Every structure is written in C-alpha cells, then in structure tokens.
Amino acid sequence: MREWKLKQSIKGMRPLAVLPDWLIFYKNNSIYKAKHDNLLDPILICKLPISNPIQKLTKNFHLLKRIIRSYPSNAIIFNGELFISRRSEIWRCDINNGNITLDFKIPN
C-alpha cells in the first residue's frame, strides 16, 4: 500500500477517490483530478448536471447546499469509471474522457 501526504489544500475541495497518481475531488458542482504533489493545478473531468430546480437556486450558497445535500456523498472507481452518489442518484463518469451519465435513480 502506498502512503502519501497532502502538502497543499484547496478551499472547498471534497475528496472522492484516490488513484495511485491522482486525487479525484469535487468542487463547485465539478469533478477534478490532480496529481498528489500539485493540487493547485487540477484538471476538470466533468460537471455534474443540476437535475433539481432547488439546486439551481442554491448553487452559490454553501449553507443551503449542505442543508439539501446537493454535493456527492460517496464515490468509487471501478473499471476506469467513477461512480458518484448524490442524493437519490448514482452518476457514472468515465475518468479518461469525461462522459457522465445517470446510471441509476432510486425511486421514491
């Protein structure tokens, strides 16, 4: 198992997954990847679609985002794809080309 320490941080960054050379994180409704030793130069992978009208109204208000939980809560990487859970949705994002699709929606 490889060990590493972060020497930098980015305000508002929410880590989602770790690869051998990359850190995958969420910030401002977008998914980024960055080298472990250079977090200040992230690469945009994709933007999460805003599916809820309330999310559109609250996209700039951090407290409201936390109340309605519009940010991703969990993520895993499987076969080169990042699966992200957000509220009742599971999104599939291809890490290499940035394609994102709704993989599953939990019925109410």
Protein backbone atom coordinates (compact mmCIF):
# COMPACT_ATOMS: atom_id res chain seq x y z
CA MET A 1 0.00 0.00 0.00
CA ARG A 2 1.34 3.39 -1.00
CA GLU A 3 1.38 6.17 1.57
CA TRP A 4 1.36 9.85 0.77
CA LYS A 5 0.59 13.13 2.49
CA LEU A 6 -1.09 16.22 1.14
CA LYS A 7 1.20 19.22 1.27
CA GLN A 8 -1.44 21.59 -0.09
CA SER A 9 -5.16 22.05 0.11
CA ILE A 10 -7.80 23.74 -1.97
CA LYS A 11 -10.62 25.57 -0.20
CA GLY A 12 -13.95 23.89 -0.88
CA MET A 13 -12.38 20.64 -2.11
CA ARG A 14 -14.23 17.42 -1.24
CA PRO A 15 -12.03 14.35 -1.89
CA LEU A 16 -13.92 11.49 -3.58
CA ALA A 17 -11.37 8.86 -4.56
CA VAL A 18 -7.65 8.18 -4.70
CA LEU A 19 -5.74 6.58 -7.57
CA PRO A 20 -2.02 5.70 -7.46
CA ASP A 21 -1.06 9.04 -9.04
CA TRP A 22 -4.23 11.13 -8.85
CA LEU A 23 -6.65 12.55 -6.32
CA ILE A 24 -10.24 12.81 -7.58
CA PHE A 25 -12.25 15.57 -5.89
CA TYR A 26 -15.45 17.61 -6.10
CA LYS A 27 -15.67 21.39 -6.05
CA ASN A 28 -18.42 23.74 -7.27
CA ASN A 29 -20.51 21.06 -8.97
CA SER A 30 -17.48 19.77 -10.92
CA ILE A 31 -15.24 16.71 -10.67
CA TYR A 32 -11.49 17.28 -10.92
CA LYS A 33 -8.33 15.22 -10.79
CA ALA A 34 -4.96 16.45 -9.63
CA LYS A 35 -1.54 14.96 -9.04
CA HIS A 36 -0.86 14.35 -5.37
CA ASP A 37 2.10 16.70 -5.38
CA ASN A 38 0.35 19.50 -7.31
CA LEU A 39 -3.22 20.09 -6.12
CA LEU A 40 -3.14 23.70 -7.27
CA ASP A 41 -3.25 22.64 -10.94
CA PRO A 42 -6.39 20.44 -11.18
CA ILE A 43 -7.77 19.02 -14.43
CA LEU A 44 -11.52 19.19 -14.99
CA ILE A 45 -13.01 15.74 -15.63
CA CYS A 46 -16.71 16.63 -15.85
CA LYS A 47 -19.50 18.77 -14.45
CA LEU A 48 -22.35 17.15 -12.55
CA PRO A 49 -25.69 18.06 -14.11
CA ILE A 50 -28.08 20.04 -11.93
CA SER A 51 -31.26 17.99 -12.02
CA ASN A 52 -33.23 19.62 -9.24
CA PRO A 53 -34.65 23.19 -9.64
CA ILE A 54 -33.82 23.92 -5.99
CA GLN A 55 -30.16 23.06 -6.69
CA LYS A 56 -30.10 25.72 -9.41
CA LEU A 57 -31.24 28.34 -6.90
CA THR A 58 -28.75 27.28 -4.23
CA LYS A 59 -25.65 26.65 -6.37
CA ASN A 60 -23.83 29.66 -4.87
CA PHE A 61 -24.91 29.25 -1.25
CA HIS A 62 -22.79 26.77 0.68
CA LEU A 63 -25.09 26.51 3.71
CA LEU A 64 -28.13 25.73 1.56
CA LYS A 65 -26.10 23.14 -0.38
CA ARG A 66 -25.32 21.42 2.91
CA ILE A 67 -28.95 21.50 4.02
CA ILE A 68 -30.30 19.89 0.84
CA ARG A 69 -27.17 17.73 0.38
CA SER A 70 -26.61 18.62 -3.26
CA TYR A 71 -22.94 17.58 -3.14
CA PRO A 72 -21.74 13.98 -3.73
CA SER A 73 -21.68 11.82 -0.65
CA ASN A 74 -19.77 8.74 -1.86
CA ALA A 75 -17.75 7.64 -4.86
CA ILE A 76 -15.95 4.53 -6.05
CA ILE A 77 -13.77 3.74 -9.04
CA PHE A 78 -14.46 0.53 -10.96
CA ASN A 79 -13.01 -0.40 -14.36
CA GLY A 80 -11.82 3.13 -15.08
CA GLU A 81 -15.17 4.71 -14.27
CA LEU A 82 -16.10 6.84 -11.31
CA PHE A 83 -19.49 6.12 -9.75
CA ILE A 84 -20.77 9.08 -7.74
CA SER A 85 -23.78 9.05 -5.44
CA ARG A 86 -25.68 12.28 -4.92
CA ARG A 87 -28.98 12.22 -3.04
CA SER A 88 -31.05 9.53 -4.82
CA GLU A 89 -28.92 9.41 -7.98
CA ILE A 90 -25.86 7.42 -9.00
CA TRP A 91 -23.82 9.01 -11.78
CA ARG A 92 -21.25 7.19 -13.94
CA CYS A 93 -18.28 9.26 -15.11
CA ASP A 94 -15.56 8.00 -17.43
CA ILE A 95 -12.34 9.33 -15.92
CA ASN A 96 -10.49 9.35 -19.25
CA ASN A 97 -12.93 11.24 -21.50
CA GLY A 98 -15.27 12.95 -19.01
CA ASN A 99 -18.53 11.47 -20.26
CA ILE A 100 -21.12 11.48 -17.49
CA THR A 101 -24.46 9.67 -17.45
CA LEU A 102 -27.14 8.99 -14.89
CA ASP A 103 -26.61 5.32 -14.09
CA PHE A 104 -29.38 4.76 -11.56
CA LYS A 105 -32.11 6.75 -9.79
CA ILE A 106 -33.51 5.37 -6.55
CA PRO A 107 -37.31 5.54 -6.73
CA ASN A 108 -39.16 7.46 -4.02
